[in-house]
C-alpha atoms as a PDB file:
ATOM      1  CA  UNK A   1     -35.866 -99.437-117.229  1.00  0.00           C
ATOM      2  CA  UNK A   2     -38.883 -98.895-114.706  1.00  0.00           C
ATOM      3  CA  UNK A   3     -37.199 -95.678-113.969  1.00  0.00           C
ATOM      4  CA  UNK A   4     -37.611 -94.694-117.468  1.00  0.00           C
ATOM      5  CA  UNK A   5     -41.092 -95.731-117.476  1.00  0.00           C
ATOM      6  CA  UNK A   6     -41.632 -93.928-114.111  1.00  0.00           C
ATOM      7  CA  UNK A   7     -40.134 -90.389-116.158  1.00  0.00           C
ATOM      8  CA  UNK A   8     -42.491 -91.115-118.955  1.00  0.00           C
ATOM      9  CA  UNK A   9     -45.430 -91.375-116.599  1.00  0.00           C
ATOM     10  CA  UNK A  10     -44.792 -88.162-115.349  1.00  0.00           C
ATOM     11  CA  UNK A  11     -44.291 -86.441-118.184  1.00  0.00           C
ATOM     12  CA  UNK A  12     -47.360 -87.370-119.927  1.00  0.00           C
ATOM     13  CA  UNK A  13     -49.223 -86.579-116.607  1.00  0.00           C
ATOM     14  CA  UNK A  14     -47.727 -83.235-116.442  1.00  0.00           C
ATOM     15  CA  UNK A  15     -48.754 -82.314-119.916  1.00  0.00           C
ATOM     16  CA  UNK A  16     -52.237 -83.453-119.598  1.00  0.00           C
ATOM     17  CA  UNK A  17     -52.808 -81.102-116.571  1.00  0.00           C
ATOM     18  CA  UNK A  18     -51.144 -78.252-118.585  1.00  0.00           C
ATOM     19  CA  UNK A  19     -53.770 -78.443-121.397  1.00  0.00           C
ATOM     20  CA  UNK A  20     -56.105 -77.664-118.431  1.00  0.00           C
ATOM     21  CA  UNK A  21     -54.089 -74.779-117.313  1.00  0.00           C
ATOM     22  CA  UNK A  22     -56.543 -71.931-117.856  1.00  0.00           C
ATOM     23  CA  UNK A  23     -56.279 -70.066-114.321  1.00  0.00           C
ATOM     24  CA  UNK A  24     -53.365 -67.097-114.687  1.00  0.00           C
ATOM     25  CA  UNK A  25     -50.045 -68.284-113.511  1.00  0.00           C
ATOM     26  CA  UNK A  26     -50.459 -65.723-110.537  1.00  0.00           C
ATOM     27  CA  UNK A  27     -53.765 -67.032-109.106  1.00  0.00           C
ATOM     28  CA  UNK A  28     -52.265 -69.116-106.637  1.00  0.00           C
ATOM     29  CA  UNK A  29     -48.491 -69.707-104.943  1.00  0.00           C
ATOM     30  CA  UNK A  30     -47.238 -72.294-103.199  1.00  0.00           C
ATOM     31  CA  UNK A  31     -44.265 -72.227-100.852  1.00  0.00           C
ATOM     32  CA  UNK A  32     -41.622 -73.375 -99.725  1.00  0.00           C
ATOM     33  CA  UNK A  33     -40.545 -75.179-102.778  1.00  0.00           C
ATOM     34  CA  UNK A  34     -39.201 -77.792-101.783  1.00  0.00           C
ATOM     35  CA  UNK A  35     -41.016 -78.282 -99.084  1.00  0.00           C
ATOM     36  CA  UNK A  36     -40.231 -80.762 -95.649  1.00  0.00           C
ATOM     37  CA  UNK A  37     -43.564 -80.749 -93.481  1.00  0.00           C
ATOM     38  CA  UNK A  38     -45.899 -78.097 -94.742  1.00  0.00           C
ATOM     39  CA  UNK A  39     -47.097 -76.740 -98.234  1.00  0.00           C
ATOM     40  CA  UNK A  40     -48.492 -73.231 -98.163  1.00  0.00           C
ATOM     41  CA  UNK A  41     -51.146 -72.386-100.523  1.00  0.00           C
ATOM     42  CA  UNK A  42     -51.877 -68.468-101.437  1.00  0.00           C
ATOM     43  CA  UNK A  43     -54.434 -67.409-103.550  1.00  0.00           C
ATOM     44  CA  UNK A  44     -54.383 -63.938-105.342  1.00  0.00           C
ATOM     45  CA  UNK A  45     -57.937 -63.189-104.813  1.00  0.00           C
ATOM     46  CA  UNK A  46     -60.670 -64.740-102.871  1.00  0.00           C
ATOM     47  CA  UNK A  47     -62.965 -67.173-104.964  1.00  0.00           C
ATOM     48  CA  UNK A  48     -65.717 -69.514-104.078  1.00  0.00           C
ATOM     49  CA  UNK A  49     -65.857 -72.991-104.550  1.00  0.00           C
ATOM     50  CA  UNK A  50     -62.204 -73.850-105.255  1.00  0.00           C
ATOM     51  CA  UNK A  51     -60.652 -77.132-105.064  1.00  0.00           C
ATOM     52  CA  UNK A  52     -57.472 -78.533-104.431  1.00  0.00           C
ATOM     53  CA  UNK A  53     -55.742 -81.682-105.535  1.00  0.00           C
ATOM     54  CA  UNK A  54     -52.253 -83.131-105.283  1.00  0.00           C
ATOM     55  CA  UNK A  55     -51.116 -85.751-107.257  1.00  0.00           C
ATOM     56  CA  UNK A  56     -48.144 -87.809-107.423  1.00  0.00           C
ATOM     57  CA  UNK A  57     -45.770 -88.870-110.731  1.00  0.00           C
ATOM     58  CA  UNK A  58     -47.865 -91.494-111.432  1.00  0.00           C
ATOM     59  CA  UNK A  59     -50.998 -89.572-111.275  1.00  0.00           C
ATOM     60  CA  UNK A  60     -52.398 -90.885-107.916  1.00  0.00           C
ATOM     61  CA  UNK A  61     -54.439 -88.641-106.094  1.00  0.00           C
ATOM     62  CA  UNK A  62     -52.611 -88.047-102.655  1.00  0.00           C
ATOM     63  CA  UNK A  63     -54.671 -85.239-101.357  1.00  0.00           C
ATOM     64  CA  UNK A  64     -58.001 -83.338-101.809  1.00  0.00           C
ATOM     65  CA  UNK A  65     -59.273 -80.695-100.295  1.00  0.00           C
ATOM     66  CA  UNK A  66     -61.399 -76.995-100.691  1.00  0.00           C
ATOM     67  CA  UNK A  67     -59.613 -73.505-100.653  1.00  0.00           C
ATOM     68  CA  UNK A  68     -62.024 -71.378 -98.179  1.00  0.00           C
ATOM     69  CA  UNK A  69     -59.329 -69.067 -97.282  1.00  0.00           C
ATOM     70  CA  UNK A  70     -56.811 -66.756 -99.040  1.00  0.00           C
ATOM     71  CA  UNK A  71     -54.146 -68.857 -97.509  1.00  0.00           C
ATOM     72  CA  UNK A  72     -53.948 -72.927 -96.434  1.00  0.00           C
ATOM     73  CA  UNK A  73     -51.599 -74.993 -95.652  1.00  0.00           C
ATOM     74  CA  UNK A  74     -51.400 -79.014 -96.623  1.00  0.00           C
ATOM     75  CA  UNK A  75     -49.212 -81.416 -94.277  1.00  0.00           C
ATOM     76  CA  UNK A  76     -47.011 -83.066 -96.397  1.00  0.00           C
ATOM     77  CA  UNK A  77     -44.521 -84.306 -93.467  1.00  0.00           C
ATOM     78  CA  UNK A  78     -45.702 -88.241 -94.099  1.00  0.00           C
ATOM     79  CA  UNK A  79     -45.798 -87.906 -97.673  1.00  0.00           C
ATOM     80  CA  UNK A  80     -42.342 -89.768 -99.915  1.00  0.00           C
ATOM     81  CA  UNK A  81     -39.753 -87.559-101.250  1.00  0.00           C
ATOM     82  CA  UNK A  82     -40.534 -86.670-105.102  1.00  0.00           C
ATOM     83  CA  UNK A  83     -42.096 -84.664-107.124  1.00  0.00           C
ATOM     84  CA  UNK A  84     -45.962 -83.745-107.093  1.00  0.00           C
ATOM     85  CA  UNK A  85     -48.176 -81.620-108.756  1.00  0.00           C
ATOM     86  CA  UNK A  86     -50.611 -79.210-107.157  1.00  0.00           C
ATOM     87  CA  UNK A  87     -53.977 -78.578-108.936  1.00  0.00           C
ATOM     88  CA  UNK A  88     -56.314 -75.234-107.747  1.00  0.00           C
ATOM     89  CA  UNK A  89     -59.582 -75.865-109.940  1.00  0.00           C
ATOM     90  CA  UNK A  90     -63.401 -74.310-110.077  1.00  0.00           C
ATOM     91  CA  UNK A  91     -66.341 -75.484-112.199  1.00  0.00           C
ATOM     92  CA  UNK A  92     -64.794 -73.945-115.118  1.00  0.00           C
ATOM     93  CA  UNK A  93     -60.954 -73.532-115.074  1.00  0.00           C
ATOM     94  CA  UNK A  94     -57.874 -75.258-113.337  1.00  0.00           C
ATOM     95  CA  UNK A  95     -54.588 -74.516-112.892  1.00  0.00           C
ATOM     96  CA  UNK A  96     -51.552 -76.832-111.854  1.00  0.00           C
ATOM     97  CA  UNK A  97     -47.856 -76.312-110.584  1.00  0.00           C
ATOM     98  CA  UNK A  98     -44.902 -78.638-109.105  1.00  0.00           C
ATOM     99  CA  UNK A  99     -43.734 -78.990-105.924  1.00  0.00           C
ATOM    100  CA  UNK A 100     -40.928 -81.057-104.688  1.00  0.00           C
ATOM    101  CA  UNK A 101     -41.331 -82.910-101.095  1.00  0.00           C
ATOM    102  CA  UNK A 102     -37.825 -83.211 -99.547  1.00  0.00           C
END
């Protein structure tokens, strides 16, 4: 029962994030996916004031930062294994992608 509730909460969170996904799909890429130690975020073009946030399946924010370069890395080595949502946003748009932490 608890596992079903977690899956339900994850899909509700993923649906809510997908509703604000206004940036083109090629705005950023994440790799490797799945990741063990480091998650690399690569922007397709330089933009200012981009924020990155990572959420677990329960919707809890586990990371928050700024993207100041075309390529950035996030240390995920101490995170629990599972599915996470990476959200890149500015003052007008946002886009979310999923990644798996091994």
